[in-house]
Amino acid sequence: MSTNLGMPGLPPPTEPSWKQAWDSALYGAPSGYLRSHPPSLLQRRDDVLGVVTDAAPRELVLLGSVGVLTPEIVRAVPGVAVRFDLPPGFGGLVLAGDWLAHVPTHVVQVDTEGYPRLVHVDPLSGRERLGARLIEMSVPQQVGRWLQEWWPVAEVGVGARAEVGTARDAAWRDVVRNLGPGGSAVALEPCHLRATRPRAGSLRVPGPAYGSVVPDGTRDLVADVALDAVAEASDSRIVDDDGPLRIVHDPA
């Protein structure tokens, strides 16, 4: 391996990228955390019930941790038909709660020379190592493009971190594409906007007793959602009223 100047370069990390390790830790077979545990409920119960009762849907798809509130939702909206898969042409309400926050992302950190680089992690110890710079051919170009548009972390400075939201944008676009006439979708997610991006990123173990951020399959892992990026990618709108910040895609 050589640099662009022909000098010997550092060998690539043998550890997986954070996106790979995170995905395996939550969804890998057979021991992914979410295969045997419900996702952490990060949103407030009253916020979720408020969205559903206001909409009073006949059909409801629940994505993410809001599924644990199914009995309460059924009592609050008698007669609602609840499902957990999203069929094409769905004409009811899709409610995602803490769903996008559980979609694994690439993690990026700015190195000592000011270049953003992918972060790799040992799945058992949580020990991190910086990998390729985003300008290198081995890194998908959409990673750098997304950061430049939505989270220009290099401008923040050395050590700044970000979670790259391309996979979250794509996941919500897929939801919107499956809506039929009369269908709508709401996402209640822990989130940030351009003006409030966290300098150190937000990847964490949720819950009152925050543990070490290790992708070993024994704990939940989440990161806040760049809500403005998700909304623009899917032609959705951000709602900022007296309730929680959320994105909504209304019927056409």
Foldseek 3Di string as FASTA:
>chain_A
DADPVRHDDDDFDPFAFQLVLLCCLQPNPPQRQVNPDAADQPDDPVLVLVVCLVQLKQEEAEAGNCVVCVVVNCVSRPNRHYDHDQAAADQTEYEYEQRLQSNGFWKWFQAPVLFIFTWGAHQPPRDIDTGDTCVDPVHPVVQVVQCVVFPVLSVVDHGFMETRRPVSLVVVLVNLRRHHANYKYKYHWQADESVDQDRNFAWFFDDPDTDDRHSNNPTGIGGHHHQVSSCVSNVWDWDDDPGGIMTMDGGD
